[in-house]
Amino acid sequence: LVAEQTIRIASAHGLHARPASIFTQAAAAAGIPVQLAKGGKSVNAASILGVISLGIDHDDEVTVSAEGDNAAQVVDELVVLLSTDFDKE
């Protein structure tokens, strides 16, 4: 089972250290392979260095994909994180 969703980044400063850390921890906890892609480059969503290397800014479009038993649920949960503006909290 493969699930995929494309979303625009809500955080005002993009996916920098804190939101990237929250996102990668959630991706790692999913227990299935999760990828994050931007502009044709795809990285392991559980890798903080990989995610930061994408240079994701506010309003950038990214694609989250997962493969495994709970893929759709995992993607849904990660999309909620990406659509949260952590810079407002």
Protein backbone atom coordinates (compact mmCIF):
# COMPACT_ATOMS: atom_id res chain seq x y z
CA LEU A 1 0.00 0.00 0.00
CA VAL A 2 1.36 3.37 -1.02
CA ALA A 3 -0.15 6.69 0.01
CA GLU A 4 0.86 10.14 -1.15
CA GLN A 5 -0.26 13.73 -0.57
CA THR A 6 1.03 17.08 -1.77
CA ILE A 7 0.75 20.08 0.53
CA ARG A 8 2.00 23.64 0.92
CA ILE A 9 4.16 24.36 3.99
CA ALA A 10 2.35 26.46 6.62
CA SER A 11 5.22 27.41 8.94
CA ALA A 12 6.13 31.04 8.32
CA HIS A 13 9.84 30.21 8.27
CA GLY A 14 9.54 26.91 6.42
CA LEU A 15 10.75 23.54 7.60
CA HIS A 16 13.69 24.74 9.71
CA ALA A 17 15.12 23.02 12.80
CA ARG A 18 12.11 22.84 15.15
CA PRO A 19 9.32 21.95 12.71
CA ALA A 20 11.71 19.65 10.82
CA SER A 21 12.57 17.89 14.07
CA ILE A 22 8.90 17.41 15.00
CA PHE A 23 8.18 16.14 11.48
CA THR A 24 11.14 13.72 11.28
CA GLN A 25 10.42 12.28 14.74
CA ALA A 26 6.83 11.60 13.68
CA ALA A 27 8.03 10.05 10.40
CA ALA A 28 10.51 7.84 12.27
CA ALA A 29 7.85 6.77 14.78
CA ALA A 30 5.57 5.66 11.93
CA GLY A 31 7.56 2.46 11.58
CA ILE A 32 7.20 2.38 7.78
CA PRO A 33 9.29 4.03 5.04
CA VAL A 34 8.26 7.66 4.54
CA GLN A 35 9.63 9.98 1.86
CA LEU A 36 9.45 13.77 1.58
CA ALA A 37 9.92 15.30 -1.86
CA LYS A 38 10.36 18.82 -3.20
CA GLY A 39 11.19 19.81 -6.75
CA GLY A 40 12.03 16.31 -7.91
CA LYS A 41 14.36 15.53 -4.98
CA SER A 42 13.16 12.93 -2.48
CA VAL A 43 14.63 12.17 0.95
CA ASN A 44 13.95 9.85 3.88
CA ALA A 45 11.40 11.81 5.93
CA ALA A 46 12.88 10.40 9.16
CA SER A 47 16.26 12.02 8.41
CA ILE A 48 16.58 15.52 9.88
CA LEU A 49 19.59 16.26 7.65
CA GLY A 50 17.75 14.98 4.59
CA VAL A 51 14.66 17.07 5.32
CA ILE A 52 16.68 20.23 6.03
CA SER A 53 18.73 19.63 2.85
CA LEU A 54 15.56 20.14 0.79
CA GLY A 55 15.56 23.81 1.86
CA ILE A 56 11.81 23.94 2.35
CA ASP A 57 10.39 27.45 2.77
CA HIS A 58 6.96 28.82 3.67
CA ASP A 59 4.37 28.05 0.97
CA ASP A 60 6.66 25.57 -0.81
CA GLU A 61 4.86 22.56 -2.22
CA VAL A 62 6.09 19.20 -0.94
CA THR A 63 4.91 15.63 -1.34
CA VAL A 64 4.75 13.15 1.52
CA SER A 65 4.60 9.48 0.61
CA ALA A 66 4.61 6.32 2.68
CA GLU A 67 4.59 2.63 1.95
CA GLY A 68 3.20 0.01 4.29
CA ASP A 69 0.18 -1.13 6.25
CA ASN A 70 -0.87 2.23 7.71
CA ALA A 71 0.47 4.35 4.85
CA ALA A 72 -2.66 6.48 4.38
CA GLN A 73 -2.99 7.19 8.11
CA VAL A 74 0.73 7.99 8.44
CA VAL A 75 0.61 10.39 5.49
CA ASP A 76 -2.52 12.06 6.91
CA GLU A 77 -0.83 12.60 10.28
CA LEU A 78 2.35 13.99 8.72
CA VAL A 79 0.35 16.32 6.45
CA VAL A 80 -1.36 17.74 9.57
CA LEU A 81 2.10 18.55 10.98
CA LEU A 82 3.18 20.22 7.74
CA SER A 83 -0.01 22.27 7.64
CA THR A 84 0.62 23.56 11.19
CA ASP A 85 2.42 26.89 11.57
CA PHE A 86 4.88 26.02 14.34
CA ASP A 87 6.28 29.55 14.14
CA LYS A 88 2.99 30.91 15.55
CA GLU A 89 3.04 28.86 18.75
